[in-house]
């Protein structure tokens, strides 16, 4: 696809087809869906996952498929920024991430391990999360790689989505999303601008009806400040294909970014940064970067919210 150079960085773009966003108008998607398989944990009155206080007894669904070996693959952020990446996702202080072993239950099954095949055939790892029956949100650099002058540059060839992966076990199997299912925005396609680093994948099936999905929200600074942020994904510094969870307060906010002390590593790009409100989970940002004092995500502001709604269908 020819890269769009229009002036609106939030203009949605896709491989098969071709505003002022600083004022926050609070918006919340429809309630998240928990899916129709397995168990779920009550979180009424909580702001963080119960696993943060004590690990519940692991819930395991029988595997329907075996995961590919991704142990030697690098995080997809390196495909755009190269190693070493000075903004690579980092652990802030002591590493107290919690491994999720009951990935067959909600909400863990809504988080997906991604095996990304770039335009040049190279393979990379990332994370995504269901926002609807057929749609997985992720980082822009998981679907469109910036490597000008090389065959790697451009829309990725495909992404293998593995919901609730637990090492070699795939409780909900896997689905391959072809290039035509990739989505991002002009602000990312035109240049690797971290403020517009978000995207999505439209699946060829409604697997999300089984896994469930998270809601998403565009909330004001006053609503987000003081909230507990949650993140679960597939870091490359842990055993291959294992899911890890962490939580932290908001560190700071800007119109297009959320900063926090959530511990992350390469491979977690595209993870949901979510809050728990009235017993439901809502993504408020899409994790993409790290830093020396905090890690950060693309904030779901009004135009990001509108695009996620569009891609959700």
C-alpha atoms as a PDB file:
ATOM      1  CA  UNK A   1       0.000   0.000   0.000  1.00  0.00           C
ATOM      2  CA  UNK A   2       1.213   3.541  -0.775  1.00  0.00           C
ATOM      3  CA  UNK A   3       1.809   5.403   2.478  1.00  0.00           C
ATOM      4  CA  UNK A   4      -0.806   8.044   3.180  1.00  0.00           C
ATOM      5  CA  UNK A   5       0.591  11.546   3.751  1.00  0.00           C
ATOM      6  CA  UNK A   6      -2.637  13.317   4.695  1.00  0.00           C
ATOM      7  CA  UNK A   7      -2.515  15.787   7.572  1.00  0.00           C
ATOM      8  CA  UNK A   8      -4.724  13.849  10.006  1.00  0.00           C
ATOM      9  CA  UNK A   9      -2.442  11.474  11.964  1.00  0.00           C
ATOM     10  CA  UNK A  10      -5.441   9.514  13.281  1.00  0.00           C
ATOM     11  CA  UNK A  11      -6.724   8.758   9.764  1.00  0.00           C
ATOM     12  CA  UNK A  12      -7.259   4.974   9.855  1.00  0.00           C
ATOM     13  CA  UNK A  13      -5.321   3.048   7.209  1.00  0.00           C
ATOM     14  CA  UNK A  14      -5.280  -0.567   6.065  1.00  0.00           C
ATOM     15  CA  UNK A  15      -3.288  -2.547   3.500  1.00  0.00           C
ATOM     16  CA  UNK A  16      -6.340  -3.243   1.360  1.00  0.00           C
ATOM     17  CA  UNK A  17      -7.795   0.293   1.212  1.00  0.00           C
ATOM     18  CA  UNK A  18      -6.759   3.051   1.416  1.00  0.00           C
ATOM     19  CA  UNK A  19      -9.162  16.704  14.433  1.00  0.00           C
ATOM     20  CA  UNK A  20      -8.203  18.073  17.213  1.00  0.00           C
ATOM     21  CA  UNK A  21      -7.547  15.343  19.828  1.00  0.00           C
ATOM     22  CA  UNK A  22      -6.210  17.261  22.821  1.00  0.00           C
ATOM     23  CA  UNK A  23      -9.533  17.872  24.602  1.00  0.00           C
ATOM     24  CA  UNK A  24     -10.688  14.737  26.365  1.00  0.00           C
ATOM     25  CA  UNK A  25     -14.368  13.886  26.092  1.00  0.00           C
ATOM     26  CA  UNK A  26     -14.937  10.884  28.298  1.00  0.00           C
ATOM     27  CA  UNK A  27     -16.147   7.826  26.418  1.00  0.00           C
ATOM     28  CA  UNK A  28     -16.513   4.199  27.404  1.00  0.00           C
ATOM     29  CA  UNK A  29     -17.133   1.269  25.083  1.00  0.00           C
ATOM     30  CA  UNK A  30     -19.842  -1.303  25.614  1.00  0.00           C
ATOM     31  CA  UNK A  31     -19.229  -3.539  28.619  1.00  0.00           C
ATOM     32  CA  UNK A  32     -16.459  -6.105  28.083  1.00  0.00           C
ATOM     33  CA  UNK A  33     -17.475  -9.654  27.206  1.00  0.00           C
ATOM     34  CA  UNK A  34     -16.224 -12.539  29.318  1.00  0.00           C
ATOM     35  CA  UNK A  35     -16.672 -15.241  26.675  1.00  0.00           C
ATOM     36  CA  UNK A  36     -18.628 -18.465  26.886  1.00  0.00           C
ATOM     37  CA  UNK A  37     -15.922 -20.918  27.922  1.00  0.00           C
ATOM     38  CA  UNK A  38     -14.362 -21.817  31.265  1.00  0.00           C
ATOM     39  CA  UNK A  39     -14.324 -19.854  34.493  1.00  0.00           C
ATOM     40  CA  UNK A  40     -13.949 -16.233  35.449  1.00  0.00           C
ATOM     41  CA  UNK A  41     -12.969 -14.538  38.693  1.00  0.00           C
ATOM     42  CA  UNK A  42     -15.192 -12.035  40.476  1.00  0.00           C
ATOM     43  CA  UNK A  43     -13.528  -8.621  40.867  1.00  0.00           C
ATOM     44  CA  UNK A  44     -16.426  -6.680  42.323  1.00  0.00           C
ATOM     45  CA  UNK A  45     -15.020  -3.825  44.413  1.00  0.00           C
ATOM     46  CA  UNK A  46     -11.424  -4.354  43.279  1.00  0.00           C
ATOM     47  CA  UNK A  47      -9.106  -2.193  41.150  1.00  0.00           C
ATOM     48  CA  UNK A  48      -6.452  -4.822  40.461  1.00  0.00           C
ATOM     49  CA  UNK A  49      -6.501  -8.500  39.632  1.00  0.00           C
ATOM     50  CA  UNK A  50      -6.892 -10.836  42.643  1.00  0.00           C
ATOM     51  CA  UNK A  51      -3.706 -12.595  41.564  1.00  0.00           C
ATOM     52  CA  UNK A  52      -1.776  -9.533  42.711  1.00  0.00           C
ATOM     53  CA  UNK A  53      -2.597 -10.337  46.324  1.00  0.00           C
ATOM     54  CA  UNK A  54      -2.385 -14.127  46.117  1.00  0.00           C
ATOM     55  CA  UNK A  55      -2.175 -16.592  43.261  1.00  0.00           C
ATOM     56  CA  UNK A  56      -5.420 -18.505  42.866  1.00  0.00           C
ATOM     57  CA  UNK A  57      -5.329 -22.187  42.131  1.00  0.00           C
ATOM     58  CA  UNK A  58      -4.435 -22.580  38.474  1.00  0.00           C
ATOM     59  CA  UNK A  59      -7.306 -23.211  36.108  1.00  0.00           C
ATOM     60  CA  UNK A  60      -6.353 -25.272  33.065  1.00  0.00           C
ATOM     61  CA  UNK A  61      -8.402 -26.025  29.985  1.00  0.00           C
ATOM     62  CA  UNK A  62      -7.415 -28.964  27.838  1.00  0.00           C
ATOM     63  CA  UNK A  63      -5.110 -27.793  25.065  1.00  0.00           C
ATOM     64  CA  UNK A  64      -6.503 -27.804  21.548  1.00  0.00           C
ATOM     65  CA  UNK A  65      -3.193 -27.040  19.851  1.00  0.00           C
ATOM     66  CA  UNK A  66       0.526 -26.840  20.467  1.00  0.00           C
ATOM     67  CA  UNK A  67       2.281 -23.490  20.263  1.00  0.00           C
ATOM     68  CA  UNK A  68       5.155 -22.878  17.847  1.00  0.00           C
ATOM     69  CA  UNK A  69       8.661 -22.490  19.262  1.00  0.00           C
ATOM     70  CA  UNK A  70       9.234 -18.751  19.687  1.00  0.00           C
ATOM     71  CA  UNK A  71      12.090 -18.995  22.185  1.00  0.00           C
ATOM     72  CA  UNK A  72      14.726 -17.671  19.759  1.00  0.00           C
ATOM     73  CA  UNK A  73      12.646 -14.801  18.380  1.00  0.00           C
ATOM     74  CA  UNK A  74      13.182 -11.141  19.193  1.00  0.00           C
ATOM     75  CA  UNK A  75      10.592  -8.540  20.264  1.00  0.00           C
ATOM     76  CA  UNK A  76       8.922  -6.843  17.316  1.00  0.00           C
ATOM     77  CA  UNK A  77      10.023  -3.401  18.536  1.00  0.00           C
ATOM     78  CA  UNK A  78      13.531  -4.289  17.374  1.00  0.00           C
ATOM     79  CA  UNK A  79      12.239  -4.691  13.816  1.00  0.00           C
ATOM     80  CA  UNK A  80      11.552  -0.934  13.717  1.00  0.00           C
ATOM     81  CA  UNK A  81      14.065   0.498  16.193  1.00  0.00           C
ATOM     82  CA  UNK A  82      16.800  -2.126  15.974  1.00  0.00           C
ATOM     83  CA  UNK A  83      18.840  -3.595  18.830  1.00  0.00           C
ATOM     84  CA  UNK A  84      19.600  -2.210  21.238  1.00  0.00           C
ATOM     85  CA  UNK A  85      16.449  -0.128  21.548  1.00  0.00           C
ATOM     86  CA  UNK A  86      17.023   2.791  23.962  1.00  0.00           C
ATOM     87  CA  UNK A  87      13.290   2.857  24.712  1.00  0.00           C
ATOM     88  CA  UNK A  88      13.016  -0.865  25.240  1.00  0.00           C
ATOM     89  CA  UNK A  89      10.409  -1.942  27.754  1.00  0.00           C
ATOM     90  CA  UNK A  90      11.981  -2.223  31.187  1.00  0.00           C
ATOM     91  CA  UNK A  91      11.521  -3.506  34.724  1.00  0.00           C
ATOM     92  CA  UNK A  92      11.147  -0.567  37.095  1.00  0.00           C
ATOM     93  CA  UNK A  93      12.926  -1.484  40.336  1.00  0.00           C
ATOM     94  CA  UNK A  94      12.466  -5.002  41.754  1.00  0.00           C
ATOM     95  CA  UNK A  95      10.851  -7.444  39.354  1.00  0.00           C
ATOM     96  CA  UNK A  96       7.597  -8.485  41.026  1.00  0.00           C
ATOM     97  CA  UNK A  97       5.667  -9.546  37.957  1.00  0.00           C
ATOM     98  CA  UNK A  98       3.332 -12.488  38.550  1.00  0.00           C
ATOM     99  CA  UNK A  99       3.151 -15.424  36.161  1.00  0.00           C
ATOM    100  CA  UNK A 100      -0.359 -16.337  35.066  1.00  0.00           C
ATOM    101  CA  UNK A 101      -0.759 -20.087  34.776  1.00  0.00           C
ATOM    102  CA  UNK A 102      -4.575 -20.217  34.602  1.00  0.00           C
ATOM    103  CA  UNK A 103      -4.603 -18.623  31.169  1.00  0.00           C
ATOM    104  CA  UNK A 104      -7.687 -20.555  30.072  1.00  0.00           C
ATOM    105  CA  UNK A 105      -9.911 -18.392  32.301  1.00  0.00           C
ATOM    106  CA  UNK A 106     -11.108 -14.825  31.794  1.00  0.00           C
ATOM    107  CA  UNK A 107      -9.567 -12.235  31.640  1.00  0.00           C
ATOM    108  CA  UNK A 108      -6.256 -13.961  30.871  1.00  0.00           C
ATOM    109  CA  UNK A 109      -7.613 -15.704  27.770  1.00  0.00           C
ATOM    110  CA  UNK A 110      -8.418 -12.285  26.245  1.00  0.00           C
ATOM    111  CA  UNK A 111      -4.669 -11.493  26.131  1.00  0.00           C
ATOM    112  CA  UNK A 112      -2.854 -12.922  23.110  1.00  0.00           C
ATOM    113  CA  UNK A 113       0.665 -13.987  22.281  1.00  0.00           C
ATOM    114  CA  UNK A 114       1.532 -12.780  18.770  1.00  0.00           C
ATOM    115  CA  UNK A 115       3.883 -14.435  16.276  1.00  0.00           C
ATOM    116  CA  UNK A 116       4.512 -11.764  13.654  1.00  0.00           C
ATOM    117  CA  UNK A 117       5.881 -12.520  10.186  1.00  0.00           C
ATOM    118  CA  UNK A 118       7.328  -9.400   8.601  1.00  0.00           C
ATOM    119  CA  UNK A 119       7.287  -8.508   4.925  1.00  0.00           C
ATOM    120  CA  UNK A 120      10.768 -10.058   4.481  1.00  0.00           C
ATOM    121  CA  UNK A 121       9.775 -13.333   6.179  1.00  0.00           C
ATOM    122  CA  UNK A 122      11.537 -12.614   9.484  1.00  0.00           C
ATOM    123  CA  UNK A 123       9.557 -13.514  12.613  1.00  0.00           C
ATOM    124  CA  UNK A 124       9.016 -11.516  15.802  1.00  0.00           C
ATOM    125  CA  UNK A 125       6.987 -11.633  19.027  1.00  0.00           C
ATOM    126  CA  UNK A 126       4.420  -9.240  20.474  1.00  0.00           C
ATOM    127  CA  UNK A 127       1.168  -9.032  22.451  1.00  0.00           C
ATOM    128  CA  UNK A 128      -2.432  -8.092  21.671  1.00  0.00           C
ATOM    129  CA  UNK A 129      -5.837  -8.124  23.379  1.00  0.00           C
ATOM    130  CA  UNK A 130      -9.381  -8.766  22.262  1.00  0.00           C
ATOM    131  CA  UNK A 131     -11.667  -5.718  22.076  1.00  0.00           C
ATOM    132  CA  UNK A 132     -14.511  -7.575  20.379  1.00  0.00           C
ATOM    133  CA  UNK A 133     -15.470 -10.924  18.845  1.00  0.00           C
ATOM    134  CA  UNK A 134     -13.213 -10.496  15.802  1.00  0.00           C
ATOM    135  CA  UNK A 135     -10.803  -7.702  16.721  1.00  0.00           C
ATOM    136  CA  UNK A 136      -7.480  -7.685  18.585  1.00  0.00           C
ATOM    137  CA  UNK A 137      -5.892  -4.347  19.514  1.00  0.00           C
ATOM    138  CA  UNK A 138      -2.116  -3.998  19.541  1.00  0.00           C
ATOM    139  CA  UNK A 139       0.732  -1.554  18.920  1.00  0.00           C
ATOM    140  CA  UNK A 140       1.158   0.015  15.502  1.00  0.00           C
ATOM    141  CA  UNK A 141       4.657  -1.428  15.225  1.00  0.00           C
ATOM    142  CA  UNK A 142       3.177  -4.932  15.508  1.00  0.00           C
ATOM    143  CA  UNK A 143       1.312  -4.496  12.208  1.00  0.00           C
ATOM    144  CA  UNK A 144       3.455  -1.985  10.290  1.00  0.00           C
ATOM    145  CA  UNK A 145       7.258  -2.079  10.592  1.00  0.00           C
ATOM    146  CA  UNK A 146       9.472   0.908   9.813  1.00  0.00           C
ATOM    147  CA  UNK A 147      12.660  -0.234   8.100  1.00  0.00           C
ATOM    148  CA  UNK A 148      13.037   2.095   5.071  1.00  0.00           C
ATOM    149  CA  UNK A 149      15.227   0.820   2.276  1.00  0.00           C
ATOM    150  CA  UNK A 150      14.719  -2.827   3.212  1.00  0.00           C
ATOM    151  CA  UNK A 151      12.189  -5.486   2.236  1.00  0.00           C
ATOM    152  CA  UNK A 152      11.101  -5.616   5.886  1.00  0.00           C
ATOM    153  CA  UNK A 153       9.543  -2.162   5.668  1.00  0.00           C
ATOM    154  CA  UNK A 154       5.752  -1.894   5.572  1.00  0.00           C
ATOM    155  CA  UNK A 155       2.740  -3.965   6.495  1.00  0.00           C
ATOM    156  CA  UNK A 156       3.587  -7.286   8.083  1.00  0.00           C
ATOM    157  CA  UNK A 157       2.818 -10.403   6.073  1.00  0.00           C
ATOM    158  CA  UNK A 158       0.739 -12.103   8.785  1.00  0.00           C
ATOM    159  CA  UNK A 159       0.211 -12.406  12.534  1.00  0.00           C
ATOM    160  CA  UNK A 160      -0.520 -15.648  14.339  1.00  0.00           C
ATOM    161  CA  UNK A 161      -2.820 -14.847  17.277  1.00  0.00           C
ATOM    162  CA  UNK A 162      -2.682 -17.238  20.254  1.00  0.00           C
ATOM    163  CA  UNK A 163      -5.217 -16.298  22.971  1.00  0.00           C
ATOM    164  CA  UNK A 164      -4.352 -17.296  26.534  1.00  0.00           C
ATOM    165  CA  UNK A 165      -1.135 -19.011  25.508  1.00  0.00           C
ATOM    166  CA  UNK A 166       0.702 -20.766  28.334  1.00  0.00           C
ATOM    167  CA  UNK A 167       4.078 -21.900  27.037  1.00  0.00           C
ATOM    168  CA  UNK A 168       3.444 -24.697  24.557  1.00  0.00           C
ATOM    169  CA  UNK A 169      -0.250 -24.892  25.474  1.00  0.00           C
ATOM    170  CA  UNK A 170      -2.899 -23.096  23.432  1.00  0.00           C
ATOM    171  CA  UNK A 171      -6.260 -23.406  25.228  1.00  0.00           C
ATOM    172  CA  UNK A 172      -8.072 -21.609  22.391  1.00  0.00           C
ATOM    173  CA  UNK A 173      -5.876 -22.668  19.508  1.00  0.00           C
ATOM    174  CA  UNK A 174      -4.459 -20.110  17.108  1.00  0.00           C
ATOM    175  CA  UNK A 175      -5.649 -18.099  14.139  1.00  0.00           C
ATOM    176  CA  UNK A 176      -3.548 -16.540  11.387  1.00  0.00           C
ATOM    177  CA  UNK A 177      -4.486 -12.991  10.397  1.00  0.00           C
ATOM    178  CA  UNK A 178      -3.342 -12.139   6.854  1.00  0.00           C
ATOM    179  CA  UNK A 179      -1.961  -8.775   5.761  1.00  0.00           C
ATOM    180  CA  UNK A 180      -5.429  -7.636   4.685  1.00  0.00           C
ATOM    181  CA  UNK A 181      -6.588  -7.831   8.311  1.00  0.00           C
ATOM    182  CA  UNK A 182      -4.045  -5.306   9.622  1.00  0.00           C
ATOM    183  CA  UNK A 183      -5.093  -1.819  10.727  1.00  0.00           C
ATOM    184  CA  UNK A 184      -3.259   1.277  11.969  1.00  0.00           C
ATOM    185  CA  UNK A 185      -3.282   5.038  11.348  1.00  0.00           C
ATOM    186  CA  UNK A 186      -1.558   7.561   9.113  1.00  0.00           C
ATOM    187  CA  UNK A 187       0.359   8.987  12.084  1.00  0.00           C
ATOM    188  CA  UNK A 188       2.188   5.675  12.428  1.00  0.00           C
ATOM    189  CA  UNK A 189       2.474   4.674   8.735  1.00  0.00           C
ATOM    190  CA  UNK A 190       3.910   8.058   7.705  1.00  0.00           C
ATOM    191  CA  UNK A 191       6.674   7.990  10.369  1.00  0.00           C
ATOM    192  CA  UNK A 192       7.482   6.029  13.544  1.00  0.00           C
ATOM    193  CA  UNK A 193       5.785   8.551  15.853  1.00  0.00           C
ATOM    194  CA  UNK A 194       5.286   6.967  19.286  1.00  0.00           C
ATOM    195  CA  UNK A 195       2.232   9.148  19.953  1.00  0.00           C
ATOM    196  CA  UNK A 196       0.324   7.310  17.193  1.00  0.00           C
ATOM    197  CA  UNK A 197       1.719   3.818  17.774  1.00  0.00           C
ATOM    198  CA  UNK A 198      -1.487   1.812  17.856  1.00  0.00           C
ATOM    199  CA  UNK A 199      -3.333  -0.576  15.585  1.00  0.00           C
ATOM    200  CA  UNK A 200      -5.499  -3.657  15.400  1.00  0.00           C
ATOM    201  CA  UNK A 201      -6.080  -6.931  13.599  1.00  0.00           C
ATOM    202  CA  UNK A 202      -9.424  -8.043  12.201  1.00  0.00           C
ATOM    203  CA  UNK A 203      -9.634 -11.830  12.550  1.00  0.00           C
ATOM    204  CA  UNK A 204     -11.177 -14.135   9.941  1.00  0.00           C
ATOM    205  CA  UNK A 205     -13.261 -15.751  12.712  1.00  0.00           C
ATOM    206  CA  UNK A 206     -15.190 -14.688  15.829  1.00  0.00           C
ATOM    207  CA  UNK A 207     -12.856 -16.413  18.303  1.00  0.00           C
ATOM    208  CA  UNK A 208     -13.491 -13.593  20.769  1.00  0.00           C
ATOM    209  CA  UNK A 209     -16.932 -15.034  21.483  1.00  0.00           C
ATOM    210  CA  UNK A 210     -15.093 -17.868  23.250  1.00  0.00           C
ATOM    211  CA  UNK A 211     -12.304 -15.871  24.902  1.00  0.00           C
ATOM    212  CA  UNK A 212     -14.228 -12.720  25.769  1.00  0.00           C
ATOM    213  CA  UNK A 213     -12.731  -9.251  25.437  1.00  0.00           C
ATOM    214  CA  UNK A 214     -11.889  -6.109  27.377  1.00  0.00           C
ATOM    215  CA  UNK A 215     -13.759  -2.870  27.053  1.00  0.00           C
ATOM    216  CA  UNK A 216     -11.876   0.342  26.295  1.00  0.00           C
ATOM    217  CA  UNK A 217     -12.310   3.917  27.420  1.00  0.00           C
ATOM    218  CA  UNK A 218     -11.249   7.492  26.728  1.00  0.00           C
ATOM    219  CA  UNK A 219     -11.168   9.105  30.157  1.00  0.00           C
ATOM    220  CA  UNK A 220     -10.050  12.486  31.461  1.00  0.00           C
ATOM    221  CA  UNK A 221      -6.914  13.118  33.503  1.00  0.00           C
ATOM    222  CA  UNK A 222      -9.006  13.553  36.636  1.00  0.00           C
ATOM    223  CA  UNK A 223     -10.639  10.165  36.112  1.00  0.00           C
ATOM    224  CA  UNK A 224      -7.356   8.364  35.393  1.00  0.00           C
ATOM    225  CA  UNK A 225      -5.233   9.985  38.091  1.00  0.00           C
ATOM    226  CA  UNK A 226      -5.172   7.787  41.168  1.00  0.00           C
ATOM    227  CA  UNK A 227      -6.304   4.716  39.227  1.00  0.00           C
ATOM    228  CA  UNK A 228      -4.502   1.400  39.489  1.00  0.00           C
ATOM    229  CA  UNK A 229      -3.202   0.338  36.084  1.00  0.00           C
ATOM    230  CA  UNK A 230      -3.027  -3.348  35.145  1.00  0.00           C
ATOM    231  CA  UNK A 231      -1.084  -5.054  32.349  1.00  0.00           C
ATOM    232  CA  UNK A 232      -0.710  -8.669  31.288  1.00  0.00           C
ATOM    233  CA  UNK A 233       1.283  -9.847  28.299  1.00  0.00           C
ATOM    234  CA  UNK A 234       4.051 -11.989  26.865  1.00  0.00           C
ATOM    235  CA  UNK A 235       7.527 -10.653  27.757  1.00  0.00           C
ATOM    236  CA  UNK A 236      10.580 -11.963  25.947  1.00  0.00           C
ATOM    237  CA  UNK A 237      12.701 -12.113  29.100  1.00  0.00           C
ATOM    238  CA  UNK A 238      10.558 -14.875  30.638  1.00  0.00           C
ATOM    239  CA  UNK A 239      10.084 -18.509  29.528  1.00  0.00           C
ATOM    240  CA  UNK A 240       8.819 -18.515  25.942  1.00  0.00           C
ATOM    241  CA  UNK A 241       5.087 -17.965  25.546  1.00  0.00           C
ATOM    242  CA  UNK A 242       4.300 -17.432  29.232  1.00  0.00           C
ATOM    243  CA  UNK A 243       1.955 -14.687  30.386  1.00  0.00           C
ATOM    244  CA  UNK A 244       2.946 -12.240  33.130  1.00  0.00           C
ATOM    245  CA  UNK A 245       0.888  -9.661  35.034  1.00  0.00           C
ATOM    246  CA  UNK A 246       1.807  -6.482  36.902  1.00  0.00           C
ATOM    247  CA  UNK A 247       0.064  -3.417  38.329  1.00  0.00           C
ATOM    248  CA  UNK A 248       1.053   0.120  39.317  1.00  0.00           C
ATOM    249  CA  UNK A 249      -0.359   3.618  39.786  1.00  0.00           C
ATOM    250  CA  UNK A 250      -0.351   6.218  37.017  1.00  0.00           C
ATOM    251  CA  UNK A 251       2.986   8.069  36.978  1.00  0.00           C
ATOM    252  CA  UNK A 252       1.963  10.884  34.623  1.00  0.00           C
ATOM    253  CA  UNK A 253      -0.308  11.691  31.701  1.00  0.00           C
ATOM    254  CA  UNK A 254      -0.145  13.665  28.475  1.00  0.00           C
ATOM    255  CA  UNK A 255      -2.830  14.091  25.823  1.00  0.00           C
ATOM    256  CA  UNK A 256      -1.519  11.109  23.824  1.00  0.00           C
ATOM    257  CA  UNK A 257       0.516   9.093  26.327  1.00  0.00           C
ATOM    258  CA  UNK A 258       0.197   7.324  29.689  1.00  0.00           C
ATOM    259  CA  UNK A 259       3.309   6.763  31.838  1.00  0.00           C
ATOM    260  CA  UNK A 260       3.620   4.214  34.648  1.00  0.00           C
ATOM    261  CA  UNK A 261       5.873   1.948  36.687  1.00  0.00           C
ATOM    262  CA  UNK A 262       4.416  -1.259  35.255  1.00  0.00           C
ATOM    263  CA  UNK A 263       7.219  -3.805  34.812  1.00  0.00           C
ATOM    264  CA  UNK A 264       7.489  -4.920  31.194  1.00  0.00           C
ATOM    265  CA  UNK A 265       9.988  -6.322  28.713  1.00  0.00           C
ATOM    266  CA  UNK A 266      10.353  -6.589  24.956  1.00  0.00           C
ATOM    267  CA  UNK A 267       7.555  -8.738  23.559  1.00  0.00           C
ATOM    268  CA  UNK A 268       4.829  -6.983  25.541  1.00  0.00           C
ATOM    269  CA  UNK A 269       4.323  -4.261  22.955  1.00  0.00           C
ATOM    270  CA  UNK A 270       0.610  -4.103  22.212  1.00  0.00           C
ATOM    271  CA  UNK A 271      -0.551  -5.170  25.688  1.00  0.00           C
ATOM    272  CA  UNK A 272      -3.643  -3.600  27.205  1.00  0.00           C
ATOM    273  CA  UNK A 273      -3.059  -1.083  29.975  1.00  0.00           C
ATOM    274  CA  UNK A 274      -6.386  -1.404  31.733  1.00  0.00           C
ATOM    275  CA  UNK A 275      -8.324  -0.374  34.801  1.00  0.00           C
ATOM    276  CA  UNK A 276     -10.967  -2.273  36.722  1.00  0.00           C
ATOM    277  CA  UNK A 277     -14.083  -0.188  37.268  1.00  0.00           C
ATOM    278  CA  UNK A 278     -17.334  -1.484  38.765  1.00  0.00           C
ATOM    279  CA  UNK A 279     -16.272  -5.080  38.236  1.00  0.00           C
ATOM    280  CA  UNK A 280     -15.363  -4.651  34.538  1.00  0.00           C
ATOM    281  CA  UNK A 281     -12.025  -4.186  32.747  1.00  0.00           C
ATOM    282  CA  UNK A 282     -11.406  -1.270  30.376  1.00  0.00           C
ATOM    283  CA  UNK A 283      -8.256  -0.627  28.368  1.00  0.00           C
ATOM    284  CA  UNK A 284      -7.147   3.004  28.655  1.00  0.00           C
ATOM    285  CA  UNK A 285      -3.863   2.727  26.736  1.00  0.00           C
ATOM    286  CA  UNK A 286      -1.838   0.374  24.519  1.00  0.00           C
ATOM    287  CA  UNK A 287       1.623  -0.453  25.853  1.00  0.00           C
ATOM    288  CA  UNK A 288       4.499   0.234  23.465  1.00  0.00           C
ATOM    289  CA  UNK A 289       7.621   1.709  25.088  1.00  0.00           C
ATOM    290  CA  UNK A 290       9.961   1.708  28.059  1.00  0.00           C
ATOM    291  CA  UNK A 291      12.266   4.220  29.668  1.00  0.00           C
ATOM    292  CA  UNK A 292      14.789   4.687  32.443  1.00  0.00           C
ATOM    293  CA  UNK A 293      12.266   6.003  34.952  1.00  0.00           C
ATOM    294  CA  UNK A 294       8.896   4.853  33.572  1.00  0.00           C
ATOM    295  CA  UNK A 295       7.319   2.821  30.790  1.00  0.00           C
ATOM    296  CA  UNK A 296       4.610   4.197  28.536  1.00  0.00           C
ATOM    297  CA  UNK A 297       1.654   3.518  26.289  1.00  0.00           C
ATOM    298  CA  UNK A 298      -0.351   5.197  23.571  1.00  0.00           C
ATOM    299  CA  UNK A 299      -3.309   6.735  25.363  1.00  0.00           C
ATOM    300  CA  UNK A 300      -6.840   5.927  24.252  1.00  0.00           C
ATOM    301  CA  UNK A 301      -8.056   9.474  23.685  1.00  0.00           C
ATOM    302  CA  UNK A 302     -11.093  10.487  21.617  1.00  0.00           C
ATOM    303  CA  UNK A 303      -9.711   9.716  18.125  1.00  0.00           C
ATOM    304  CA  UNK A 304      -8.086   6.457  19.257  1.00  0.00           C
ATOM    305  CA  UNK A 305     -11.392   5.441  20.839  1.00  0.00           C
ATOM    306  CA  UNK A 306     -13.214   6.214  17.579  1.00  0.00           C
ATOM    307  CA  UNK A 307     -10.802   4.074  15.556  1.00  0.00           C
ATOM    308  CA  UNK A 308     -11.024   1.154  17.972  1.00  0.00           C
ATOM    309  CA  UNK A 309     -14.814   1.352  17.679  1.00  0.00           C
ATOM    310  CA  UNK A 310     -14.485   1.402  13.878  1.00  0.00           C
ATOM    311  CA  UNK A 311     -12.174  -1.625  13.839  1.00  0.00           C
ATOM    312  CA  UNK A 312     -14.308  -3.480  16.369  1.00  0.00           C
ATOM    313  CA  UNK A 313     -17.183  -3.240  13.905  1.00  0.00           C
END
